[in-house]
Structure formats: structure tokens, C-alpha cells
Amino acid sequence: MDEQKTHLSTIEDVPASAWEKLAQKKIFFGHHSVGFNIIEGLKDIMTENPQIRLNIIKTSSPSEFNTPVFAHSRVDKNRDPRTKIDAFANFMT
């Protein structure tokens, strides 16, 4: 049996063009408590890697999506996945 080698990539391996392309997207991240930890982690990574320039804002207002954004906000009930999924689906429509 052949062993497959795993290549672990680092942030430094991601080309600047990929970060620029990501920064031009309109992203909505609906979450609750753990999501705030993820957002804080993203901000820490951006501080350490200035080539990553995401416009992270806390909002669920459709008017904030006129320009590229990584928006986030709480969605429905914590520990109730179905309500979160429904709230996210409603937001997207």
C-alpha cells in the first residue's frame, strides 16, 4: 500500500490574489456564542497577516451588502439548530 504524503499549508502559502478575491465577496455568517470566538480569531489572524483585509462588521441589515463585506450577527435561538437554519434561510431570501 502506498503512503500518501500530506502537505500542510500555511497562511503564507496563500497568494495575495486569493486574499484579494475573498475580500471582494459578500459573506454572511449567522451564529451565536461560539461564532463570536471565530470572529475574534479571524481578527487576530488579520492583525498578524496584513495581507488579509476583510471588512468584518456585525450586522444583518441588507443595506450593508451593497459593498464587499464579511457580515455576522446572532441568528435565532442558541442550541436550537433548526431555528438557526430557518433564520439564516429567511435572511438569505
PDB file of N, CA and C in Angstrom:
ATOM      1  N   MET A   1       0.834  -1.169   0.000  1.00  0.00           N
ATOM      2  CA  MET A   1       0.000   0.000   0.000  1.00  0.00           C
ATOM      3  C   MET A   1       0.887   1.243   0.000  1.00  0.00           C
ATOM      4  N   ASP A   2       0.602   2.182  -0.912  1.00  0.00           N
ATOM      5  CA  ASP A   2       1.377   3.414  -0.999  1.00  0.00           C
ATOM      6  C   ASP A   2       0.909   4.399   0.059  1.00  0.00           C
ATOM      7  N   GLU A   3       1.883   5.016   0.702  1.00  0.00           N
ATOM      8  CA  GLU A   3       1.535   6.045   1.674  1.00  0.00           C
ATOM      9  C   GLU A   3       1.401   7.371   0.954  1.00  0.00           C
ATOM     10  N   GLN A   4       0.331   8.081   1.251  1.00  0.00           N
ATOM     11  CA  GLN A   4       0.145   9.402   0.678  1.00  0.00           C
ATOM     12  C   GLN A   4       0.745  10.427   1.621  1.00  0.00           C
ATOM     13  N   LYS A   5       1.506  11.350   1.057  1.00  0.00           N
ATOM     14  CA  LYS A   5       2.079  12.413   1.863  1.00  0.00           C
ATOM     15  C   LYS A   5       1.068  13.542   1.978  1.00  0.00           C
ATOM     16  N   THR A   6       0.956  14.070   3.170  1.00  0.00           N
ATOM     17  CA  THR A   6       0.055  15.184   3.409  1.00  0.00           C
ATOM     18  C   THR A   6       0.874  16.458   3.446  1.00  0.00           C
ATOM     19  N   HIS A   7       0.458  17.432   2.651  1.00  0.00           N
ATOM     20  CA  HIS A   7       1.124  18.722   2.631  1.00  0.00           C
ATOM     21  C   HIS A   7       0.293  19.693   3.456  1.00  0.00           C
ATOM     22  N   LEU A   8       0.863  20.192   4.519  1.00  0.00           N
ATOM     23  CA  LEU A   8       0.174  21.159   5.353  1.00  0.00           C
ATOM     24  C   LEU A   8       0.495  22.558   4.863  1.00  0.00           C
ATOM     25  N   SER A   9      -0.507  23.296   4.468  1.00  0.00           N
ATOM     26  CA  SER A   9      -0.325  24.660   4.002  1.00  0.00           C
ATOM     27  C   SER A   9      -0.402  25.629   5.168  1.00  0.00           C
ATOM     28  N   THR A  10       0.208  26.773   4.985  1.00  0.00           N
ATOM     29  CA  THR A  10       0.128  27.833   5.979  1.00  0.00           C
ATOM     30  C   THR A  10      -0.491  29.058   5.309  1.00  0.00           C
ATOM     31  N   ILE A  11      -0.847  30.011   6.102  1.00  0.00           N
ATOM     32  CA  ILE A  11      -1.408  31.246   5.558  1.00  0.00           C
ATOM     33  C   ILE A  11      -0.440  31.887   4.575  1.00  0.00           C
ATOM     34  N   GLU A  12       0.828  31.783   4.860  1.00  0.00           N
ATOM     35  CA  GLU A  12       1.840  32.370   3.974  1.00  0.00           C
ATOM     36  C   GLU A  12       1.833  31.721   2.588  1.00  0.00           C
ATOM     37  N   ASP A  13       1.316  30.494   2.470  1.00  0.00           N
ATOM     38  CA  ASP A  13       1.252  29.802   1.180  1.00  0.00           C
ATOM     39  C   ASP A  13       0.112  30.306   0.295  1.00  0.00           C
ATOM     40  N   VAL A  14      -0.821  31.046   0.870  1.00  0.00           N
ATOM     41  CA  VAL A  14      -1.966  31.548   0.102  1.00  0.00           C
ATOM     42  C   VAL A  14      -1.532  32.806  -0.638  1.00  0.00           C
ATOM     43  N   PRO A  15      -1.709  32.836  -1.964  1.00  0.00           N
ATOM     44  CA  PRO A  15      -1.275  34.018  -2.723  1.00  0.00           C
ATOM     45  C   PRO A  15      -2.121  35.250  -2.400  1.00  0.00           C
ATOM     46  N   ALA A  16      -1.505  36.406  -2.503  1.00  0.00           N
ATOM     47  CA  ALA A  16      -2.196  37.667  -2.220  1.00  0.00           C
ATOM     48  C   ALA A  16      -3.453  37.808  -3.072  1.00  0.00           C
ATOM     49  N   SER A  17      -3.420  37.315  -4.287  1.00  0.00           N
ATOM     50  CA  SER A  17      -4.584  37.412  -5.175  1.00  0.00           C
ATOM     51  C   SER A  17      -5.788  36.663  -4.610  1.00  0.00           C
ATOM     52  N   ALA A  18      -5.560  35.574  -3.894  1.00  0.00           N
ATOM     53  CA  ALA A  18      -6.659  34.821  -3.281  1.00  0.00           C
ATOM     54  C   ALA A  18      -7.285  35.624  -2.146  1.00  0.00           C
ATOM     55  N   TRP A  19      -6.462  36.293  -1.345  1.00  0.00           N
ATOM     56  CA  TRP A  19      -6.997  37.118  -0.262  1.00  0.00           C
ATOM     57  C   TRP A  19      -7.777  38.290  -0.836  1.00  0.00           C
ATOM     58  N   GLU A  20      -7.261  38.881  -1.929  1.00  0.00           N
ATOM     59  CA  GLU A  20      -7.954  39.998  -2.569  1.00  0.00           C
ATOM     60  C   GLU A  20      -9.306  39.549  -3.127  1.00  0.00           C
ATOM     61  N   LYS A  21      -9.347  38.381  -3.710  1.00  0.00           N
ATOM     62  CA  LYS A  21     -10.600  37.839  -4.248  1.00  0.00           C
ATOM     63  C   LYS A  21     -11.600  37.591  -3.112  1.00  0.00           C
ATOM     64  N   LEU A  22     -11.144  37.037  -2.001  1.00  0.00           N
ATOM     65  CA  LEU A  22     -12.010  36.799  -0.849  1.00  0.00           C
ATOM     66  C   LEU A  22     -12.553  38.116  -0.306  1.00  0.00           C
ATOM     67  N   ALA A  23     -11.718  39.140  -0.244  1.00  0.00           N
ATOM     68  CA  ALA A  23     -12.119  40.438   0.291  1.00  0.00           C
ATOM     69  C   ALA A  23     -13.191  41.108  -0.556  1.00  0.00           C
ATOM     70  N   GLN A  24     -13.386  40.667  -1.793  1.00  0.00           N
ATOM     71  CA  GLN A  24     -14.401  41.247  -2.678  1.00  0.00           C
ATOM     72  C   GLN A  24     -15.754  40.545  -2.579  1.00  0.00           C
ATOM     73  N   LYS A  25     -15.847  39.544  -1.742  1.00  0.00           N
ATOM     74  CA  LYS A  25     -17.089  38.780  -1.589  1.00  0.00           C
ATOM     75  C   LYS A  25     -18.033  39.449  -0.601  1.00  0.00           C
ATOM     76  N   LYS A  26     -19.299  39.040  -0.686  1.00  0.00           N
ATOM     77  CA  LYS A  26     -20.315  39.454   0.280  1.00  0.00           C
ATOM     78  C   LYS A  26     -20.693  38.193   1.051  1.00  0.00           C
ATOM     79  N   ILE A  27     -20.262  38.137   2.307  1.00  0.00           N
ATOM     80  CA  ILE A  27     -20.403  36.937   3.125  1.00  0.00           C
ATOM     81  C   ILE A  27     -21.262  37.261   4.340  1.00  0.00           C
ATOM     82  N   PHE A  28     -22.175  36.351   4.668  1.00  0.00           N
ATOM     83  CA  PHE A  28     -22.939  36.484   5.902  1.00  0.00           C
ATOM     84  C   PHE A  28     -22.717  35.242   6.742  1.00  0.00           C
ATOM     85  N   PHE A  29     -22.327  35.452   7.990  1.00  0.00           N
ATOM     86  CA  PHE A  29     -22.072  34.378   8.939  1.00  0.00           C
ATOM     87  C   PHE A  29     -23.054  34.541  10.096  1.00  0.00           C
ATOM     88  N   GLY A  30     -24.083  33.683  10.123  1.00  0.00           N
ATOM     89  CA  GLY A  30     -25.050  33.698  11.211  1.00  0.00           C
ATOM     90  C   GLY A  30     -24.593  32.741  12.298  1.00  0.00           C
ATOM     91  N   HIS A  31     -24.628  33.194  13.537  1.00  0.00           N
ATOM     92  CA  HIS A  31     -24.054  32.385  14.614  1.00  0.00           C
ATOM     93  C   HIS A  31     -24.635  32.764  15.959  1.00  0.00           C
ATOM     94  N   HIS A  32     -24.074  32.175  16.981  1.00  0.00           N
ATOM     95  CA  HIS A  32     -24.342  32.538  18.378  1.00  0.00           C
ATOM     96  C   HIS A  32     -23.010  32.611  19.093  1.00  0.00           C
ATOM     97  N   SER A  33     -22.926  32.160  20.295  1.00  0.00           N
ATOM     98  CA  SER A  33     -21.766  32.405  21.151  1.00  0.00           C
ATOM     99  C   SER A  33     -20.431  31.963  20.555  1.00  0.00           C
ATOM    100  N   VAL A  34     -20.329  30.760  20.059  1.00  0.00           N
ATOM    101  CA  VAL A  34     -19.056  30.281  19.518  1.00  0.00           C
ATOM    102  C   VAL A  34     -18.657  31.087  18.286  1.00  0.00           C
ATOM    103  N   GLY A  35     -19.636  31.569  17.560  1.00  0.00           N
ATOM    104  CA  GLY A  35     -19.353  32.395  16.388  1.00  0.00           C
ATOM    105  C   GLY A  35     -18.566  33.642  16.728  1.00  0.00           C
ATOM    106  N   PHE A  36     -18.834  34.221  17.902  1.00  0.00           N
ATOM    107  CA  PHE A  36     -18.066  35.395  18.311  1.00  0.00           C
ATOM    108  C   PHE A  36     -16.598  35.034  18.521  1.00  0.00           C
ATOM    109  N   ASN A  37     -16.335  33.831  19.019  1.00  0.00           N
ATOM    110  CA  ASN A  37     -14.950  33.367  19.166  1.00  0.00           C
ATOM    111  C   ASN A  37     -14.284  33.222  17.802  1.00  0.00           C
ATOM    112  N   ILE A  38     -15.028  32.726  16.833  1.00  0.00           N
ATOM    113  CA  ILE A  38     -14.494  32.576  15.477  1.00  0.00           C
ATOM    114  C   ILE A  38     -14.160  33.944  14.894  1.00  0.00           C
ATOM    115  N   ILE A  39     -15.056  34.907  15.055  1.00  0.00           N
ATOM    116  CA  ILE A  39     -14.819  36.268  14.547  1.00  0.00           C
ATOM    117  C   ILE A  39     -13.581  36.868  15.208  1.00  0.00           C
ATOM    118  N   GLU A  40     -13.444  36.709  16.513  1.00  0.00           N
ATOM    119  CA  GLU A  40     -12.261  37.227  17.205  1.00  0.00           C
ATOM    120  C   GLU A  40     -10.988  36.559  16.674  1.00  0.00           C
ATOM    121  N   GLY A  41     -11.067  35.249  16.405  1.00  0.00           N
ATOM    122  CA  GLY A  41      -9.929  34.545  15.820  1.00  0.00           C
ATOM    123  C   GLY A  41      -9.575  35.083  14.446  1.00  0.00           C
ATOM    124  N   LEU A  42     -10.587  35.373  13.633  1.00  0.00           N
ATOM    125  CA  LEU A  42     -10.337  35.969  12.311  1.00  0.00           C
ATOM    126  C   LEU A  42      -9.639  37.318  12.445  1.00  0.00           C
ATOM    127  N   LYS A  43     -10.099  38.122  13.383  1.00  0.00           N
ATOM    128  CA  LYS A  43      -9.480  39.433  13.595  1.00  0.00           C
ATOM    129  C   LYS A  43      -8.036  39.295  14.046  1.00  0.00           C
ATOM    130  N   ASP A  44      -7.758  38.330  14.915  1.00  0.00           N
ATOM    131  CA  ASP A  44      -6.379  38.079  15.352  1.00  0.00           C
ATOM    132  C   ASP A  44      -5.502  37.677  14.170  1.00  0.00           C
ATOM    133  N   ILE A  45      -6.019  36.796  13.328  1.00  0.00           N
ATOM    134  CA  ILE A  45      -5.269  36.356  12.150  1.00  0.00           C
ATOM    135  C   ILE A  45      -5.008  37.530  11.215  1.00  0.00           C
ATOM    136  N   MET A  46      -6.006  38.405  11.046  1.00  0.00           N
ATOM    137  CA  MET A  46      -5.824  39.571  10.179  1.00  0.00           C
ATOM    138  C   MET A  46      -4.778  40.529  10.739  1.00  0.00           C
ATOM    139  N   THR A  47      -4.726  40.660  12.056  1.00  0.00           N
ATOM    140  CA  THR A  47      -3.723  41.526  12.678  1.00  0.00           C
ATOM    141  C   THR A  47      -2.322  40.994  12.401  1.00  0.00           C
ATOM    142  N   GLU A  48      -2.169  39.688  12.456  1.00  0.00           N
ATOM    143  CA  GLU A  48      -0.868  39.064  12.241  1.00  0.00           C
ATOM    144  C   GLU A  48      -0.515  38.943  10.762  1.00  0.00           C
ATOM    145  N   ASN A  49      -1.514  39.085   9.886  1.00  0.00           N
ATOM    146  CA  ASN A  49      -1.313  38.908   8.438  1.00  0.00           C
ATOM    147  C   ASN A  49      -1.992  40.053   7.697  1.00  0.00           C
ATOM    148  N   PRO A  50      -1.317  41.196   7.577  1.00  0.00           N
ATOM    149  CA  PRO A  50      -1.945  42.384   6.993  1.00  0.00           C
ATOM    150  C   PRO A  50      -2.375  42.224   5.537  1.00  0.00           C
ATOM    151  N   GLN A  51      -1.940  41.158   4.882  1.00  0.00           N
ATOM    152  CA  GLN A  51      -2.382  40.922   3.505  1.00  0.00           C
ATOM    153  C   GLN A  51      -3.847  40.471   3.458  1.00  0.00           C
ATOM    154  N   ILE A  52      -4.405  40.095   4.602  1.00  0.00           N
ATOM    155  CA  ILE A  52      -5.806  39.692   4.681  1.00  0.00           C
ATOM    156  C   ILE A  52      -6.592  40.914   5.139  1.00  0.00           C
ATOM    157  N   ARG A  53      -7.433  41.429   4.251  1.00  0.00           N
ATOM    158  CA  ARG A  53      -8.179  42.652   4.540  1.00  0.00           C
ATOM    159  C   ARG A  53      -9.675  42.415   4.340  1.00  0.00           C
ATOM    160  N   LEU A  54     -10.302  41.788   5.315  1.00  0.00           N
ATOM    161  CA  LEU A  54     -11.742  41.579   5.241  1.00  0.00           C
ATOM    162  C   LEU A  54     -12.450  42.716   5.984  1.00  0.00           C
ATOM    163  N   ASN A  55     -13.555  43.151   5.430  1.00  0.00           N
ATOM    164  CA  ASN A  55     -14.376  44.175   6.072  1.00  0.00           C
ATOM    165  C   ASN A  55     -15.372  43.460   6.977  1.00  0.00           C
ATOM    166  N   ILE A  56     -14.968  43.192   8.207  1.00  0.00           N
ATOM    167  CA  ILE A  56     -15.801  42.439   9.151  1.00  0.00           C
ATOM    168  C   ILE A  56     -16.660  43.415   9.943  1.00  0.00           C
ATOM    169  N   ILE A  57     -17.988  43.235   9.836  1.00  0.00           N
ATOM    170  CA  ILE A  57     -18.898  44.074  10.606  1.00  0.00           C
ATOM    171  C   ILE A  57     -20.013  43.214  11.201  1.00  0.00           C
ATOM    172  N   LYS A  58     -20.524  43.650  12.337  1.00  0.00           N
ATOM    173  CA  LYS A  58     -21.644  42.964  12.971  1.00  0.00           C
ATOM    174  C   LYS A  58     -22.923  43.620  12.464  1.00  0.00           C
ATOM    175  N   THR A  59     -23.656  42.912  11.625  1.00  0.00           N
ATOM    176  CA  THR A  59     -24.900  43.431  11.071  1.00  0.00           C
ATOM    177  C   THR A  59     -25.694  42.320  10.411  1.00  0.00           C
ATOM    178  N   SER A  60     -26.978  42.533  10.316  1.00  0.00           N
ATOM    179  CA  SER A  60     -27.816  41.659   9.500  1.00  0.00           C
ATOM    180  C   SER A  60     -28.676  42.514   8.575  1.00  0.00           C
ATOM    181  N   SER A  61     -28.272  43.758   8.419  1.00  0.00           N
ATOM    182  CA  SER A  61     -29.004  44.694   7.578  1.00  0.00           C
ATOM    183  C   SER A  61     -28.649  44.485   6.105  1.00  0.00           C
ATOM    184  N   PRO A  62     -29.647  44.213   5.271  1.00  0.00           N
ATOM    185  CA  PRO A  62     -29.366  44.026   3.837  1.00  0.00           C
ATOM    186  C   PRO A  62     -28.672  45.227   3.195  1.00  0.00           C
ATOM    187  N   SER A  63     -28.900  46.427   3.720  1.00  0.00           N
ATOM    188  CA  SER A  63     -28.272  47.618   3.141  1.00  0.00           C
ATOM    189  C   SER A  63     -26.754  47.604   3.278  1.00  0.00           C
ATOM    190  N   GLU A  64     -26.222  46.810   4.206  1.00  0.00           N
ATOM    191  CA  GLU A  64     -24.770  46.722   4.404  1.00  0.00           C
ATOM    192  C   GLU A  64     -24.094  45.852   3.339  1.00  0.00           C
ATOM    193  N   PHE A  65     -24.899  45.220   2.484  1.00  0.00           N
ATOM    194  CA  PHE A  65     -24.352  44.313   1.475  1.00  0.00           C
ATOM    195  C   PHE A  65     -24.235  44.972   0.109  1.00  0.00           C
ATOM    196  N   ASN A  66     -24.211  46.295   0.065  1.00  0.00           N
ATOM    197  CA  ASN A  66     -24.014  46.995  -1.201  1.00  0.00           C
ATOM    198  C   ASN A  66     -22.556  46.967  -1.635  1.00  0.00           C
ATOM    199  N   THR A  67     -21.671  46.693  -0.698  1.00  0.00           N
ATOM    200  CA  THR A  67     -20.242  46.600  -0.974  1.00  0.00           C
ATOM    201  C   THR A  67     -19.723  45.290  -0.381  1.00  0.00           C
ATOM    202  N   PRO A  68     -18.516  44.886  -0.740  1.00  0.00           N
ATOM    203  CA  PRO A  68     -17.961  43.658  -0.163  1.00  0.00           C
ATOM    204  C   PRO A  68     -17.914  43.736   1.362  1.00  0.00           C
ATOM    205  N   VAL A  69     -18.298  42.620   1.999  1.00  0.00           N
ATOM    206  CA  VAL A  69     -18.388  42.623   3.454  1.00  0.00           C
ATOM    207  C   VAL A  69     -18.336  41.192   3.977  1.00  0.00           C
ATOM    208  N   PHE A  70     -17.807  41.036   5.161  1.00  0.00           N
ATOM    209  CA  PHE A  70     -17.923  39.794   5.919  1.00  0.00           C
ATOM    210  C   PHE A  70     -18.789  40.166   7.117  1.00  0.00           C
ATOM    211  N   ALA A  71     -20.098  40.031   6.937  1.00  0.00           N
ATOM    212  CA  ALA A  71     -21.055  40.418   7.967  1.00  0.00           C
ATOM    213  C   ALA A  71     -21.357  39.231   8.866  1.00  0.00           C
ATOM    214  N   HIS A  72     -21.629  39.544  10.107  1.00  0.00           N
ATOM    215  CA  HIS A  72     -22.008  38.484  11.041  1.00  0.00           C
ATOM    216  C   HIS A  72     -23.001  39.029  12.043  1.00  0.00           C
ATOM    217  N   SER A  73     -23.847  38.146  12.541  1.00  0.00           N
ATOM    218  CA  SER A  73     -24.775  38.509  13.599  1.00  0.00           C
ATOM    219  C   SER A  73     -25.350  37.247  14.221  1.00  0.00           C
ATOM    220  N   ARG A  74     -25.976  37.433  15.359  1.00  0.00           N
ATOM    221  CA  ARG A  74     -26.677  36.322  16.009  1.00  0.00           C
ATOM    222  C   ARG A  74     -27.874  35.934  15.154  1.00  0.00           C
ATOM    223  N   VAL A  75     -28.159  34.653  15.111  1.00  0.00           N
ATOM    224  CA  VAL A  75     -29.369  34.181  14.445  1.00  0.00           C
ATOM    225  C   VAL A  75     -30.144  33.294  15.403  1.00  0.00           C
ATOM    226  N   ASP A  76     -31.366  33.623  15.587  1.00  0.00           N
ATOM    227  CA  ASP A  76     -32.374  32.914  16.359  1.00  0.00           C
ATOM    228  C   ASP A  76     -31.887  32.332  17.684  1.00  0.00           C
ATOM    229  N   LYS A  77     -32.278  31.105  17.987  1.00  0.00           N
ATOM    230  CA  LYS A  77     -32.076  30.539  19.320  1.00  0.00           C
ATOM    231  C   LYS A  77     -30.797  29.713  19.421  1.00  0.00           C
ATOM    232  N   ASN A  78     -30.033  30.004  20.460  1.00  0.00           N
ATOM    233  CA  ASN A  78     -28.826  29.222  20.720  1.00  0.00           C
ATOM    234  C   ASN A  78     -29.221  27.790  21.084  1.00  0.00           C
ATOM    235  N   ARG A  79     -28.424  26.838  20.663  1.00  0.00           N
ATOM    236  CA  ARG A  79     -28.624  25.406  20.928  1.00  0.00           C
ATOM    237  C   ARG A  79     -29.880  24.836  20.271  1.00  0.00           C
ATOM    238  N   ASP A  80     -30.378  25.541  19.258  1.00  0.00           N
ATOM    239  CA  ASP A  80     -31.537  25.049  18.519  1.00  0.00           C
ATOM    240  C   ASP A  80     -31.217  25.183  17.026  1.00  0.00           C
ATOM    241  N   PRO A  81     -30.502  24.207  16.481  1.00  0.00           N
ATOM    242  CA  PRO A  81     -30.021  24.307  15.106  1.00  0.00           C
ATOM    243  C   PRO A  81     -31.116  24.590  14.076  1.00  0.00           C
ATOM    244  N   ARG A  82     -32.277  24.005  14.239  1.00  0.00           N
ATOM    245  CA  ARG A  82     -33.350  24.201  13.255  1.00  0.00           C
ATOM    246  C   ARG A  82     -33.736  25.673  13.156  1.00  0.00           C
ATOM    247  N   THR A  83     -33.877  26.359  14.297  1.00  0.00           N
ATOM    248  CA  THR A  83     -34.255  27.771  14.249  1.00  0.00           C
ATOM    249  C   THR A  83     -33.146  28.611  13.627  1.00  0.00           C
ATOM    250  N   LYS A  84     -31.899  28.230  13.868  1.00  0.00           N
ATOM    251  CA  LYS A  84     -30.779  28.952  13.257  1.00  0.00           C
ATOM    252  C   LYS A  84     -30.792  28.774  11.741  1.00  0.00           C
ATOM    253  N   ILE A  85     -31.025  27.564  11.289  1.00  0.00           N
ATOM    254  CA  ILE A  85     -31.070  27.291   9.854  1.00  0.00           C
ATOM    255  C   ILE A  85     -32.221  28.062   9.206  1.00  0.00           C
ATOM    256  N   ASP A  86     -33.387  28.029   9.847  1.00  0.00           N
ATOM    257  CA  ASP A  86     -34.543  28.751   9.307  1.00  0.00           C
ATOM    258  C   ASP A  86     -34.286  30.243   9.267  1.00  0.00           C
ATOM    259  N   ALA A  87     -33.696  30.799  10.318  1.00  0.00           N
ATOM    260  CA  ALA A  87     -33.399  32.239  10.363  1.00  0.00           C
ATOM    261  C   ALA A  87     -32.393  32.610   9.279  1.00  0.00           C
ATOM    262  N   PHE A  88     -31.391  31.764   9.088  1.00  0.00           N
ATOM    263  CA  PHE A  88     -30.389  32.024   8.049  1.00  0.00           C
ATOM    264  C   PHE A  88     -31.045  31.985   6.669  1.00  0.00           C
ATOM    265  N   ALA A  89     -31.876  30.983   6.430  1.00  0.00           N
ATOM    266  CA  ALA A  89     -32.572  30.873   5.139  1.00  0.00           C
ATOM    267  C   ALA A  89     -33.456  32.094   4.893  1.00  0.00           C
ATOM    268  N   ASN A  90     -34.163  32.540   5.915  1.00  0.00           N
ATOM    269  CA  ASN A  90     -35.003  33.734   5.775  1.00  0.00           C
ATOM    270  C   ASN A  90     -34.166  34.959   5.464  1.00  0.00           C
ATOM    271  N   PHE A  91     -33.026  35.079   6.118  1.00  0.00           N
ATOM    272  CA  PHE A  91     -32.148  36.211   5.858  1.00  0.00           C
ATOM    273  C   PHE A  91     -31.668  36.203   4.399  1.00  0.00           C
ATOM    274  N   MET A  92     -31.296  35.037   3.920  1.00  0.00           N
ATOM    275  CA  MET A  92     -30.766  34.947   2.558  1.00  0.00           C
ATOM    276  C   MET A  92     -31.822  35.271   1.499  1.00  0.00           C
ATOM    277  N   THR A  93     -33.092  34.989   1.788  1.00  0.00           N
ATOM    278  CA  THR A  93     -34.136  35.327   0.814  1.00  0.00           C
ATOM    279  C   THR A  93     -34.522  36.777   0.957  1.00  0.00           C
TER     280      THR A  93
END
